[in-house]
Amino acid sequence: MYADVLVYCRSPQRWPAAVDYARRLVEPGTGQVQLWAEATAPSAESLSRQAAWTDAVLLDGIQDLQQLRELIQAVARPCLLLPRGTDAPPSPRRIAVGWNGSLQARRALHAALPLLRAAQQVVLLQAAGCAETAQVQRFLRRHGVQPDCVDCGCRGAAGPQLLELCAAQQADLLVLGAYAERGLGEWDGAQTLLPILREHALPLLLQH
């Protein structure tokens, strides 16, 4: 679990759900959640300053996907996005990790480690043509995580397929590298992410 999470939330109606979910990501009793509430979306520079000394950032209520991309790329922290709705999602106990071998996928995997260690199940969703899965599994086992692996056969823009696999695995969090180009596997990171951002029904953890 994380030691602290910064929550940026635009809508007062969403504050309780966003803060409640962030509390599920931090160490019980010692973890800290900081709420940053503004009616307008922050600039990349201001978000980077606010997030400089926090483990992760929860972004909620940013509908402009280009602006969201700029924030995620600038913040250099794992960014969590909630699905639409008013209730806080459940704690991340069944975590899916989208793996295409890209630099961003590796960063996302490292960024998610505190949550992966606390999860009951971790599933690697491997892109077609990705040969690094054995290395990833060994790395996770060294960190106390026993992952399952699903060869999803995804190619090109794989967003809808990944969401279907998450539903089939009953995942409650999807970890992805954000805005990656094609990695060692055969799905395109940038084109895969766009439909996920529009349609996701579970929380996302993204790292550029």
N, C-alpha and C. Protein backbone atom coordinates (compact mmCIF):
# COMPACT_ATOMS: atom_id res chain seq x y z
N MET A 1 0.85 -1.19 0.00
CA MET A 1 0.00 0.00 0.00
C MET A 1 0.89 1.25 0.00
N TYR A 2 0.31 2.38 -0.43
CA TYR A 2 1.08 3.62 -0.48
C TYR A 2 1.10 4.30 0.89
N ALA A 3 2.09 5.17 1.07
CA ALA A 3 2.15 5.97 2.30
C ALA A 3 1.27 7.20 2.19
N ASP A 4 1.15 7.77 0.98
CA ASP A 4 0.30 8.95 0.81
C ASP A 4 -0.18 9.05 -0.63
N VAL A 5 -1.37 9.61 -0.79
CA VAL A 5 -1.99 9.79 -2.10
C VAL A 5 -2.56 11.20 -2.16
N LEU A 6 -2.27 11.90 -3.25
CA LEU A 6 -2.85 13.21 -3.52
C LEU A 6 -4.09 13.02 -4.38
N VAL A 7 -5.21 13.59 -3.95
CA VAL A 7 -6.47 13.47 -4.69
C VAL A 7 -6.80 14.82 -5.31
N TYR A 8 -6.88 14.85 -6.65
CA TYR A 8 -7.41 16.04 -7.33
C TYR A 8 -8.82 15.70 -7.79
N CYS A 9 -9.79 16.50 -7.37
CA CYS A 9 -11.19 16.23 -7.69
C CYS A 9 -11.91 17.54 -7.98
N ARG A 10 -12.56 17.63 -9.15
CA ARG A 10 -13.20 18.88 -9.55
C ARG A 10 -14.60 19.03 -8.96
N SER A 11 -15.34 17.94 -8.84
CA SER A 11 -16.74 18.03 -8.45
C SER A 11 -16.91 17.77 -6.95
N PRO A 12 -17.55 18.68 -6.21
CA PRO A 12 -17.80 18.43 -4.78
C PRO A 12 -18.60 17.16 -4.54
N GLN A 13 -19.48 16.81 -5.49
CA GLN A 13 -20.28 15.59 -5.33
C GLN A 13 -19.41 14.34 -5.37
N ARG A 14 -18.23 14.45 -5.99
CA ARG A 14 -17.34 13.30 -6.12
C ARG A 14 -16.29 13.22 -5.01
N TRP A 15 -16.15 14.27 -4.21
CA TRP A 15 -15.12 14.27 -3.18
C TRP A 15 -15.20 13.06 -2.26
N PRO A 16 -16.39 12.72 -1.71
CA PRO A 16 -16.43 11.59 -0.77
C PRO A 16 -15.95 10.28 -1.40
N ALA A 17 -16.39 10.00 -2.63
CA ALA A 17 -15.99 8.74 -3.28
C ALA A 17 -14.50 8.73 -3.59
N ALA A 18 -13.98 9.87 -4.07
CA ALA A 18 -12.56 9.93 -4.42
C ALA A 18 -11.68 9.76 -3.19
N VAL A 19 -12.03 10.46 -2.11
CA VAL A 19 -11.23 10.36 -0.89
C VAL A 19 -11.36 8.97 -0.27
N ASP A 20 -12.57 8.41 -0.30
CA ASP A 20 -12.79 7.07 0.26
C ASP A 20 -11.93 6.05 -0.48
N TYR A 21 -11.90 6.14 -1.81
CA TYR A 21 -11.09 5.19 -2.57
C TYR A 21 -9.60 5.39 -2.29
N ALA A 22 -9.17 6.64 -2.22
CA ALA A 22 -7.75 6.90 -1.93
C ALA A 22 -7.35 6.31 -0.58
N ARG A 23 -8.24 6.36 0.39
CA ARG A 23 -7.93 5.78 1.71
C ARG A 23 -7.74 4.27 1.63
N ARG A 24 -8.35 3.65 0.64
CA ARG A 24 -8.19 2.21 0.47
C ARG A 24 -6.85 1.85 -0.16
N LEU A 25 -6.12 2.86 -0.61
CA LEU A 25 -4.83 2.63 -1.27
C LEU A 25 -3.65 2.88 -0.36
N VAL A 26 -3.89 3.42 0.84
CA VAL A 26 -2.79 3.79 1.73
C VAL A 26 -2.74 2.84 2.93
N GLU A 27 -1.60 2.86 3.60
CA GLU A 27 -1.40 2.01 4.77
C GLU A 27 -2.43 2.33 5.85
N PRO A 28 -3.15 1.33 6.36
CA PRO A 28 -4.14 1.60 7.41
C PRO A 28 -3.48 2.21 8.64
N GLY A 29 -4.07 3.27 9.13
CA GLY A 29 -3.58 3.89 10.36
C GLY A 29 -2.49 4.92 10.15
N THR A 30 -1.62 4.72 9.17
CA THR A 30 -0.49 5.65 8.98
C THR A 30 -0.54 6.37 7.64
N GLY A 31 -1.27 5.84 6.67
CA GLY A 31 -1.32 6.47 5.35
C GLY A 31 -2.06 7.80 5.37
N GLN A 32 -1.67 8.69 4.48
CA GLN A 32 -2.26 10.02 4.42
C GLN A 32 -2.88 10.27 3.05
N VAL A 33 -4.03 10.95 3.06
CA VAL A 33 -4.72 11.36 1.83
C VAL A 33 -4.89 12.86 1.87
N GLN A 34 -4.43 13.53 0.82
CA GLN A 34 -4.55 14.98 0.71
C GLN A 34 -5.52 15.31 -0.42
N LEU A 35 -6.57 16.08 -0.12
CA LEU A 35 -7.55 16.47 -1.13
C LEU A 35 -7.20 17.84 -1.68
N TRP A 36 -7.11 17.92 -3.00
CA TRP A 36 -6.87 19.19 -3.71
C TRP A 36 -8.11 19.43 -4.57
N ALA A 37 -8.96 20.31 -4.12
CA ALA A 37 -10.25 20.54 -4.78
C ALA A 37 -10.24 21.89 -5.48
N GLU A 38 -10.42 21.88 -6.79
CA GLU A 38 -10.51 23.10 -7.58
C GLU A 38 -11.55 22.89 -8.67
N ALA A 39 -12.19 23.99 -9.07
CA ALA A 39 -13.23 23.90 -10.10
C ALA A 39 -12.63 23.76 -11.49
N THR A 40 -11.39 24.18 -11.66
CA THR A 40 -10.74 24.07 -12.97
C THR A 40 -9.60 23.06 -12.88
N ALA A 41 -9.30 22.45 -14.01
CA ALA A 41 -8.23 21.46 -14.04
C ALA A 41 -6.88 22.14 -13.81
N PRO A 42 -5.97 21.49 -13.11
CA PRO A 42 -4.67 22.11 -12.84
C PRO A 42 -3.80 22.12 -14.09
N SER A 43 -2.83 23.00 -14.10
CA SER A 43 -1.82 22.94 -15.15
C SER A 43 -0.87 21.80 -14.85
N ALA A 44 -0.17 21.34 -15.87
CA ALA A 44 0.80 20.27 -15.66
C ALA A 44 1.87 20.69 -14.66
N GLU A 45 2.27 21.96 -14.73
CA GLU A 45 3.32 22.44 -13.82
C GLU A 45 2.83 22.45 -12.38
N SER A 46 1.60 22.94 -12.14
CA SER A 46 1.11 23.00 -10.76
C SER A 46 0.87 21.60 -10.20
N LEU A 47 0.39 20.68 -11.03
CA LEU A 47 0.18 19.31 -10.55
C LEU A 47 1.52 18.65 -10.23
N SER A 48 2.53 18.89 -11.05
CA SER A 48 3.85 18.33 -10.78
C SER A 48 4.39 18.81 -9.45
N ARG A 49 4.19 20.09 -9.15
CA ARG A 49 4.66 20.63 -7.87
C ARG A 49 3.91 19.99 -6.71
N GLN A 50 2.59 19.89 -6.84
CA GLN A 50 1.78 19.32 -5.76
C GLN A 50 2.13 17.86 -5.51
N ALA A 51 2.45 17.14 -6.59
CA ALA A 51 2.67 15.69 -6.50
C ALA A 51 4.12 15.32 -6.24
N ALA A 52 5.00 16.30 -6.11
CA ALA A 52 6.43 16.02 -6.04
C ALA A 52 6.79 15.10 -4.88
N TRP A 53 6.06 15.20 -3.77
CA TRP A 53 6.42 14.42 -2.58
C TRP A 53 5.26 13.54 -2.13
N THR A 54 4.61 12.93 -3.09
CA THR A 54 3.55 11.97 -2.79
C THR A 54 3.79 10.70 -3.59
N ASP A 55 3.22 9.59 -3.14
CA ASP A 55 3.45 8.31 -3.82
C ASP A 55 2.62 8.15 -5.09
N ALA A 56 1.41 8.69 -5.08
CA ALA A 56 0.50 8.50 -6.22
C ALA A 56 -0.49 9.65 -6.25
N VAL A 57 -1.11 9.83 -7.41
CA VAL A 57 -2.09 10.90 -7.61
C VAL A 57 -3.38 10.30 -8.14
N LEU A 58 -4.49 10.65 -7.52
CA LEU A 58 -5.80 10.26 -8.03
C LEU A 58 -6.41 11.47 -8.73
N LEU A 59 -6.68 11.33 -10.02
CA LEU A 59 -7.26 12.41 -10.82
C LEU A 59 -8.71 12.08 -11.13
N ASP A 60 -9.61 13.01 -10.83
CA ASP A 60 -11.03 12.74 -11.07
C ASP A 60 -11.70 13.97 -11.67
N GLY A 61 -12.51 13.74 -12.67
CA GLY A 61 -13.32 14.81 -13.24
C GLY A 61 -12.69 15.55 -14.40
N ILE A 62 -11.60 15.04 -14.96
CA ILE A 62 -10.97 15.68 -16.11
C ILE A 62 -11.46 14.97 -17.37
N GLN A 63 -12.32 15.63 -18.12
CA GLN A 63 -12.95 15.01 -19.28
C GLN A 63 -12.15 15.21 -20.57
N ASP A 64 -11.35 16.26 -20.62
CA ASP A 64 -10.55 16.55 -21.81
C ASP A 64 -9.38 15.57 -21.87
N LEU A 65 -9.41 14.64 -22.84
CA LEU A 65 -8.41 13.58 -22.87
C LEU A 65 -7.02 14.11 -23.22
N GLN A 66 -6.94 15.18 -24.01
CA GLN A 66 -5.64 15.76 -24.31
C GLN A 66 -5.03 16.39 -23.06
N GLN A 67 -5.86 17.08 -22.29
CA GLN A 67 -5.38 17.66 -21.03
C GLN A 67 -4.97 16.57 -20.05
N LEU A 68 -5.75 15.50 -20.00
CA LEU A 68 -5.41 14.38 -19.13
C LEU A 68 -4.06 13.79 -19.52
N ARG A 69 -3.83 13.66 -20.81
CA ARG A 69 -2.55 13.13 -21.29
C ARG A 69 -1.39 14.01 -20.83
N GLU A 70 -1.55 15.32 -20.96
CA GLU A 70 -0.48 16.24 -20.56
C GLU A 70 -0.18 16.12 -19.07
N LEU A 71 -1.23 15.96 -18.25
CA LEU A 71 -1.03 15.84 -16.81
C LEU A 71 -0.31 14.54 -16.46
N ILE A 72 -0.76 13.44 -17.05
CA ILE A 72 -0.15 12.14 -16.74
C ILE A 72 1.31 12.11 -17.17
N GLN A 73 1.60 12.70 -18.32
CA GLN A 73 2.98 12.70 -18.81
C GLN A 73 3.87 13.61 -17.97
N ALA A 74 3.31 14.65 -17.38
CA ALA A 74 4.12 15.62 -16.65
C ALA A 74 4.36 15.24 -15.20
N VAL A 75 3.45 14.47 -14.60
CA VAL A 75 3.46 14.35 -13.15
C VAL A 75 4.53 13.39 -12.63
N ALA A 76 4.96 12.42 -13.45
CA ALA A 76 6.01 11.48 -13.05
C ALA A 76 5.64 10.69 -11.80
N ARG A 77 4.36 10.42 -11.63
CA ARG A 77 3.85 9.60 -10.53
C ARG A 77 2.77 8.68 -11.09
N PRO A 78 2.52 7.55 -10.45
CA PRO A 78 1.37 6.76 -10.87
C PRO A 78 0.09 7.56 -10.70
N CYS A 79 -0.75 7.55 -11.72
CA CYS A 79 -2.00 8.31 -11.71
C CYS A 79 -3.17 7.34 -11.73
N LEU A 80 -4.08 7.50 -10.79
CA LEU A 80 -5.26 6.65 -10.71
C LEU A 80 -6.47 7.42 -11.21
N LEU A 81 -7.28 6.75 -12.01
CA LEU A 81 -8.51 7.32 -12.55
C LEU A 81 -9.68 6.45 -12.13
N LEU A 82 -10.75 7.09 -11.68
CA LEU A 82 -11.94 6.35 -11.27
C LEU A 82 -12.95 6.29 -12.41
N PRO A 83 -13.75 5.23 -12.47
CA PRO A 83 -14.83 5.19 -13.45
C PRO A 83 -15.94 6.16 -13.05
N ARG A 84 -16.82 6.44 -13.99
CA ARG A 84 -17.94 7.32 -13.68
C ARG A 84 -18.84 6.65 -12.64
N GLY A 85 -19.47 7.47 -11.82
CA GLY A 85 -20.33 6.95 -10.76
C GLY A 85 -20.11 7.72 -9.49
N THR A 86 -20.93 7.49 -8.50
CA THR A 86 -20.85 8.25 -7.26
C THR A 86 -20.25 7.47 -6.11
N ASP A 87 -20.25 6.14 -6.19
CA ASP A 87 -19.73 5.33 -5.10
C ASP A 87 -18.25 5.01 -5.31
N ALA A 88 -17.53 4.88 -4.21
CA ALA A 88 -16.13 4.49 -4.29
C ALA A 88 -16.03 3.03 -4.73
N PRO A 89 -15.15 2.73 -5.68
CA PRO A 89 -14.95 1.33 -6.07
C PRO A 89 -14.37 0.52 -4.90
N PRO A 90 -14.43 -0.79 -4.99
CA PRO A 90 -13.86 -1.62 -3.91
C PRO A 90 -12.34 -1.51 -3.87
N SER A 91 -11.76 -1.93 -2.77
CA SER A 91 -10.30 -1.96 -2.65
C SER A 91 -9.72 -2.87 -3.73
N PRO A 92 -8.54 -2.54 -4.25
CA PRO A 92 -7.95 -3.35 -5.33
C PRO A 92 -7.38 -4.66 -4.80
N ARG A 93 -8.17 -5.70 -4.88
CA ARG A 93 -7.75 -7.02 -4.42
C ARG A 93 -7.46 -7.97 -5.58
N ARG A 94 -8.08 -7.73 -6.73
CA ARG A 94 -7.82 -8.53 -7.93
C ARG A 94 -7.33 -7.56 -9.00
N ILE A 95 -6.03 -7.55 -9.24
CA ILE A 95 -5.42 -6.53 -10.09
C ILE A 95 -4.94 -7.15 -11.40
N ALA A 96 -5.34 -6.54 -12.50
CA ALA A 96 -4.87 -6.93 -13.82
C ALA A 96 -3.78 -5.96 -14.26
N VAL A 97 -2.72 -6.50 -14.86
CA VAL A 97 -1.61 -5.69 -15.35
C VAL A 97 -1.50 -5.91 -16.85
N GLY A 98 -1.74 -4.86 -17.63
CA GLY A 98 -1.56 -4.96 -19.07
C GLY A 98 -0.07 -4.91 -19.40
N TRP A 99 0.41 -5.93 -20.10
CA TRP A 99 1.85 -6.03 -20.33
C TRP A 99 2.15 -6.17 -21.82
N ASN A 100 2.82 -5.14 -22.38
CA ASN A 100 3.27 -5.22 -23.78
C ASN A 100 4.77 -5.00 -23.91
N GLY A 101 5.48 -5.00 -22.78
CA GLY A 101 6.93 -4.91 -22.82
C GLY A 101 7.49 -3.52 -23.04
N SER A 102 6.65 -2.50 -23.08
CA SER A 102 7.14 -1.14 -23.32
C SER A 102 7.78 -0.56 -22.06
N LEU A 103 8.54 0.51 -22.24
CA LEU A 103 9.14 1.21 -21.11
C LEU A 103 8.06 1.66 -20.14
N GLN A 104 6.95 2.19 -20.68
CA GLN A 104 5.88 2.68 -19.82
C GLN A 104 5.21 1.55 -19.05
N ALA A 105 5.10 0.37 -19.68
CA ALA A 105 4.53 -0.79 -18.97
C ALA A 105 5.42 -1.20 -17.81
N ARG A 106 6.74 -1.15 -18.01
CA ARG A 106 7.66 -1.48 -16.91
C ARG A 106 7.54 -0.46 -15.78
N ARG A 107 7.45 0.81 -16.15
CA ARG A 107 7.28 1.84 -15.11
C ARG A 107 5.99 1.63 -14.33
N ALA A 108 4.91 1.32 -15.04
CA ALA A 108 3.62 1.11 -14.38
C ALA A 108 3.69 -0.08 -13.42
N LEU A 109 4.37 -1.14 -13.84
CA LEU A 109 4.50 -2.32 -12.99
C LEU A 109 5.24 -1.96 -11.70
N HIS A 110 6.34 -1.23 -11.82
CA HIS A 110 7.08 -0.80 -10.63
C HIS A 110 6.22 0.10 -9.75
N ALA A 111 5.49 1.03 -10.37
CA ALA A 111 4.68 1.98 -9.61
C ALA A 111 3.56 1.29 -8.84
N ALA A 112 3.07 0.18 -9.39
CA ALA A 112 1.95 -0.52 -8.76
C ALA A 112 2.38 -1.52 -7.70
N LEU A 113 3.68 -1.75 -7.52
CA LEU A 113 4.15 -2.79 -6.60
C LEU A 113 3.54 -2.71 -5.20
N PRO A 114 3.43 -1.52 -4.59
CA PRO A 114 2.82 -1.48 -3.25
C PRO A 114 1.40 -2.04 -3.21
N LEU A 115 0.65 -1.86 -4.30
CA LEU A 115 -0.70 -2.41 -4.35
C LEU A 115 -0.69 -3.88 -4.73
N LEU A 116 0.23 -4.27 -5.62
CA LEU A 116 0.30 -5.67 -6.03
C LEU A 116 0.64 -6.57 -4.85
N ARG A 117 1.52 -6.10 -3.96
CA ARG A 117 1.90 -6.91 -2.80
C ARG A 117 0.71 -7.17 -1.88
N ALA A 118 -0.22 -6.22 -1.82
CA ALA A 118 -1.37 -6.36 -0.93
C ALA A 118 -2.55 -7.06 -1.58
N ALA A 119 -2.47 -7.32 -2.89
CA ALA A 119 -3.60 -7.89 -3.61
C ALA A 119 -3.75 -9.38 -3.33
N GLN A 120 -4.96 -9.88 -3.50
CA GLN A 120 -5.21 -11.31 -3.36
C GLN A 120 -4.87 -12.06 -4.65
N GLN A 121 -4.99 -11.38 -5.79
CA GLN A 121 -4.67 -12.01 -7.07
C GLN A 121 -4.13 -10.95 -8.02
N VAL A 122 -3.08 -11.31 -8.76
CA VAL A 122 -2.51 -10.45 -9.78
C VAL A 122 -2.46 -11.25 -11.08
N VAL A 123 -3.00 -10.66 -12.14
CA VAL A 123 -3.05 -11.34 -13.44
C VAL A 123 -2.32 -10.48 -14.47
N LEU A 124 -1.32 -11.06 -15.13
CA LEU A 124 -0.64 -10.39 -16.23
C LEU A 124 -1.40 -10.68 -17.52
N LEU A 125 -1.84 -9.61 -18.19
CA LEU A 125 -2.50 -9.74 -19.48
C LEU A 125 -1.45 -9.44 -20.54
N GLN A 126 -0.94 -10.48 -21.16
CA GLN A 126 0.23 -10.37 -22.03
C GLN A 126 -0.18 -10.14 -23.47
N ALA A 127 0.46 -9.16 -24.11
CA ALA A 127 0.22 -8.89 -25.52
C ALA A 127 0.79 -10.01 -26.38
N ALA A 128 0.21 -10.16 -27.57
CA ALA A 128 0.75 -11.12 -28.53
C ALA A 128 2.18 -10.73 -28.89
N GLY A 129 3.06 -11.72 -28.96
CA GLY A 129 4.43 -11.48 -29.38
C GLY A 129 5.34 -10.95 -28.31
N CYS A 130 4.89 -10.88 -27.06
CA CYS A 130 5.72 -10.35 -25.98
C CYS A 130 6.44 -11.51 -25.29
N ALA A 131 7.77 -11.47 -25.31
CA ALA A 131 8.56 -12.59 -24.82
C ALA A 131 9.12 -12.38 -23.42
N GLU A 132 8.75 -11.30 -22.76
CA GLU A 132 9.37 -10.97 -21.47
C GLU A 132 8.57 -11.46 -20.27
N THR A 133 7.50 -12.18 -20.48
CA THR A 133 6.61 -12.51 -19.36
C THR A 133 7.32 -13.30 -18.28
N ALA A 134 8.20 -14.24 -18.64
CA ALA A 134 8.91 -15.03 -17.63
C ALA A 134 9.75 -14.13 -16.74
N GLN A 135 10.40 -13.13 -17.32
CA GLN A 135 11.20 -12.19 -16.53
C GLN A 135 10.32 -11.40 -15.58
N VAL A 136 9.16 -10.98 -16.07
CA VAL A 136 8.23 -10.21 -15.22
C VAL A 136 7.76 -11.07 -14.05
N GLN A 137 7.43 -12.32 -14.33
CA GLN A 137 6.97 -13.21 -13.27
C GLN A 137 8.05 -13.41 -12.21
N ARG A 138 9.30 -13.60 -12.64
CA ARG A 138 10.39 -13.77 -11.68
C ARG A 138 10.56 -12.50 -10.84
N PHE A 139 10.48 -11.34 -11.49
CA PHE A 139 10.62 -10.08 -10.77
C PHE A 139 9.53 -9.95 -9.71
N LEU A 140 8.29 -10.24 -10.08
CA LEU A 140 7.19 -10.10 -9.13
C LEU A 140 7.33 -11.09 -7.97
N ARG A 141 7.75 -12.31 -8.27
CA ARG A 141 7.92 -13.29 -7.19
C ARG A 141 8.98 -12.85 -6.20
N ARG A 142 10.05 -12.20 -6.69
CA ARG A 142 11.07 -11.69 -5.78
C ARG A 142 10.50 -10.64 -4.83
N HIS A 143 9.41 -10.01 -5.26
CA HIS A 143 8.77 -8.98 -4.43
C HIS A 143 7.53 -9.50 -3.72
N GLY A 144 7.40 -10.81 -3.64
CA GLY A 144 6.31 -11.40 -2.87
C GLY A 144 4.98 -11.46 -3.58
N VAL A 145 4.98 -11.33 -4.91
CA VAL A 145 3.74 -11.37 -5.69
C VAL A 145 3.76 -12.63 -6.55
N GLN A 146 2.68 -13.41 -6.50
CA GLN A 146 2.58 -14.65 -7.27
C GLN A 146 1.58 -14.43 -8.41
N PRO A 147 2.04 -14.01 -9.59
CA PRO A 147 1.10 -13.64 -10.65
C PRO A 147 0.62 -14.83 -11.47
N ASP A 148 -0.61 -14.73 -11.94
CA ASP A 148 -1.10 -15.60 -13.00
C ASP A 148 -0.81 -14.89 -14.32
N CYS A 149 -0.85 -15.63 -15.41
CA CYS A 149 -0.57 -15.04 -16.71
C CYS A 149 -1.63 -15.47 -17.71
N VAL A 150 -2.16 -14.50 -18.45
CA VAL A 150 -3.13 -14.76 -19.51
C VAL A 150 -2.57 -14.20 -20.80
N ASP A 151 -2.36 -15.05 -21.78
CA ASP A 151 -1.91 -14.60 -23.10
C ASP A 151 -3.14 -14.13 -23.85
N CYS A 152 -3.33 -12.81 -23.88
CA CYS A 152 -4.59 -12.29 -24.41
C CYS A 152 -4.59 -12.18 -25.92
N GLY A 153 -3.44 -12.36 -26.56
CA GLY A 153 -3.41 -12.32 -28.02
C GLY A 153 -3.75 -10.97 -28.60
N CYS A 154 -3.66 -9.92 -27.79
CA CYS A 154 -4.06 -8.59 -28.25
C CYS A 154 -3.04 -8.01 -29.22
N ARG A 155 -3.54 -7.39 -30.27
CA ARG A 155 -2.69 -6.71 -31.25
C ARG A 155 -3.30 -5.35 -31.55
N GLY A 156 -2.47 -4.42 -32.04
CA GLY A 156 -2.99 -3.12 -32.47
C GLY A 156 -3.62 -2.35 -31.34
N ALA A 157 -4.83 -1.82 -31.57
CA ALA A 157 -5.58 -1.09 -30.55
C ALA A 157 -6.36 -2.09 -29.72
N ALA A 158 -5.82 -2.47 -28.57
CA ALA A 158 -6.32 -3.62 -27.81
C ALA A 158 -7.23 -3.23 -26.65
N GLY A 159 -7.65 -1.96 -26.57
CA GLY A 159 -8.41 -1.50 -25.42
C GLY A 159 -9.66 -2.31 -25.11
N PRO A 160 -10.57 -2.50 -26.07
CA PRO A 160 -11.79 -3.26 -25.77
C PRO A 160 -11.50 -4.68 -25.30
N GLN A 161 -10.50 -5.33 -25.90
CA GLN A 161 -10.15 -6.69 -25.48
C GLN A 161 -9.65 -6.71 -24.04
N LEU A 162 -8.84 -5.73 -23.67
CA LEU A 162 -8.33 -5.69 -22.30
C LEU A 162 -9.47 -5.48 -21.30
N LEU A 163 -10.42 -4.62 -21.63
CA LEU A 163 -11.54 -4.40 -20.72
C LEU A 163 -12.39 -5.66 -20.59
N GLU A 164 -12.58 -6.40 -21.68
CA GLU A 164 -13.33 -7.66 -21.61
C GLU A 164 -12.59 -8.67 -20.73
N LEU A 165 -11.28 -8.74 -20.86
CA LEU A 165 -10.50 -9.66 -20.04
C LEU A 165 -10.56 -9.27 -18.56
N CYS A 166 -10.53 -7.98 -18.29
CA CYS A 166 -10.65 -7.53 -16.89
C CYS A 166 -11.99 -7.96 -16.31
N ALA A 167 -13.05 -7.83 -17.09
CA ALA A 167 -14.37 -8.26 -16.62
C ALA A 167 -14.39 -9.77 -16.38
N ALA A 168 -13.79 -10.53 -17.30
CA ALA A 168 -13.76 -11.99 -17.15
C ALA A 168 -12.96 -12.41 -15.92
N GLN A 169 -11.90 -11.67 -15.60
CA GLN A 169 -11.07 -11.98 -14.44
C GLN A 169 -11.62 -11.36 -13.16
N GLN A 170 -12.71 -10.61 -13.27
CA GLN A 170 -13.30 -9.89 -12.13
C GLN A 170 -12.28 -8.95 -11.48
N ALA A 171 -11.46 -8.33 -12.31
CA ALA A 171 -10.45 -7.41 -11.80
C ALA A 171 -11.10 -6.14 -11.28
N ASP A 172 -10.52 -5.58 -10.22
CA ASP A 172 -11.03 -4.31 -9.70
C ASP A 172 -10.01 -3.18 -9.84
N LEU A 173 -8.92 -3.42 -10.59
CA LEU A 173 -7.96 -2.37 -10.96
C LEU A 173 -7.19 -2.86 -12.17
N LEU A 174 -6.98 -1.96 -13.14
CA LEU A 174 -6.17 -2.27 -14.32
C LEU A 174 -4.95 -1.36 -14.31
N VAL A 175 -3.76 -1.96 -14.37
CA VAL A 175 -2.49 -1.23 -14.40
C VAL A 175 -1.99 -1.21 -15.84
N LEU A 176 -1.66 -0.01 -16.34
CA LEU A 176 -1.21 0.12 -17.72
C LEU A 176 -0.12 1.17 -17.84
N GLY A 177 0.81 0.94 -18.76
CA GLY A 177 1.70 2.01 -19.19
C GLY A 177 0.92 3.00 -20.02
N ALA A 178 1.13 4.28 -19.78
CA ALA A 178 0.32 5.32 -20.42
C ALA A 178 1.06 5.94 -21.59
N TYR A 179 0.37 5.98 -22.73
CA TYR A 179 0.85 6.69 -23.92
C TYR A 179 2.17 6.13 -24.43
N ALA A 180 2.32 4.81 -24.31
CA ALA A 180 3.50 4.16 -24.87
C ALA A 180 3.31 3.96 -26.37
N GLU A 181 4.40 3.94 -27.09
CA GLU A 181 4.35 3.47 -28.46
C GLU A 181 4.36 1.94 -28.41
N ARG A 182 4.38 1.32 -29.59
CA ARG A 182 4.36 -0.14 -29.61
C ARG A 182 5.56 -0.68 -28.84
N GLY A 183 5.30 -1.62 -27.94
CA GLY A 183 6.37 -2.21 -27.15
C GLY A 183 6.91 -3.46 -27.82
N LEU A 184 7.43 -4.37 -27.01
CA LEU A 184 7.92 -5.63 -27.56
C LEU A 184 6.76 -6.51 -28.00
N GLY A 185 5.61 -6.31 -27.39
CA GLY A 185 4.41 -7.01 -27.83
C GLY A 185 3.76 -6.27 -28.98
N GLU A 186 2.60 -6.75 -29.40
CA GLU A 186 2.02 -6.26 -30.64
C GLU A 186 0.77 -5.42 -30.43
N TRP A 187 0.62 -4.80 -29.25
CA TRP A 187 -0.44 -3.80 -29.19
C TRP A 187 0.19 -2.43 -29.08
N ASP A 188 -0.49 -1.46 -29.64
CA ASP A 188 -0.01 -0.08 -29.66
C ASP A 188 -0.52 0.62 -28.41
N GLY A 189 0.41 1.09 -27.57
CA GLY A 189 0.02 1.63 -26.27
C GLY A 189 -0.91 2.82 -26.35
N ALA A 190 -0.60 3.79 -27.22
CA ALA A 190 -1.41 5.00 -27.29
C ALA A 190 -2.82 4.69 -27.80
N GLN A 191 -2.92 3.91 -28.87
CA GLN A 191 -4.23 3.60 -29.44
C GLN A 191 -5.02 2.65 -28.55
N THR A 192 -4.34 1.85 -27.76
CA THR A 192 -5.02 0.95 -26.83
C THR A 192 -5.66 1.74 -25.69
N LEU A 193 -4.98 2.79 -25.24
CA LEU A 193 -5.44 3.51 -24.05
C LEU A 193 -6.70 4.35 -24.32
N LEU A 194 -6.85 4.90 -25.51
CA LEU A 194 -7.96 5.82 -25.77
C LEU A 194 -9.33 5.21 -25.49
N PRO A 195 -9.67 4.04 -26.04
CA PRO A 195 -10.99 3.48 -25.72
C PRO A 195 -11.14 3.09 -24.26
N ILE A 196 -10.04 2.74 -23.61
CA ILE A 196 -10.11 2.42 -22.18
C ILE A 196 -10.48 3.66 -21.38
N LEU A 197 -9.88 4.80 -21.71
CA LEU A 197 -10.21 6.04 -21.00
C LEU A 197 -11.67 6.42 -21.20
N ARG A 198 -12.23 6.11 -22.35
CA ARG A 198 -13.63 6.48 -22.62
C ARG A 198 -14.62 5.53 -21.97
N GLU A 199 -14.24 4.26 -21.79
CA GLU A 199 -15.23 3.24 -21.46
C GLU A 199 -14.97 2.48 -20.17
N HIS A 200 -13.89 2.76 -19.45
CA HIS A 200 -13.52 1.88 -18.34
C HIS A 200 -14.56 1.91 -17.23
N ALA A 201 -14.88 0.71 -16.74
CA ALA A 201 -15.83 0.55 -15.63
C ALA A 201 -15.12 0.16 -14.34
N LEU A 202 -13.80 0.15 -14.36
CA LEU A 202 -13.00 -0.14 -13.17
C LEU A 202 -11.91 0.91 -13.07
N PRO A 203 -11.34 1.11 -11.88
CA PRO A 203 -10.26 2.09 -11.75
C PRO A 203 -9.04 1.70 -12.59
N LEU A 204 -8.29 2.72 -12.99
CA LEU A 204 -7.06 2.53 -13.75
C LEU A 204 -5.89 3.09 -12.96
N LEU A 205 -4.74 2.43 -13.08
CA LEU A 205 -3.48 2.99 -12.61
C LEU A 205 -2.59 3.14 -13.83
N LEU A 206 -2.24 4.38 -14.15
CA LEU A 206 -1.46 4.68 -15.35
C LEU A 206 -0.14 5.33 -14.97
N GLN A 207 0.90 4.96 -15.70
CA GLN A 207 2.21 5.57 -15.49
C GLN A 207 2.84 5.80 -16.85
N HIS A 208 3.31 7.03 -17.07
CA HIS A 208 3.99 7.32 -18.34
C HIS A 208 5.47 7.01 -18.20
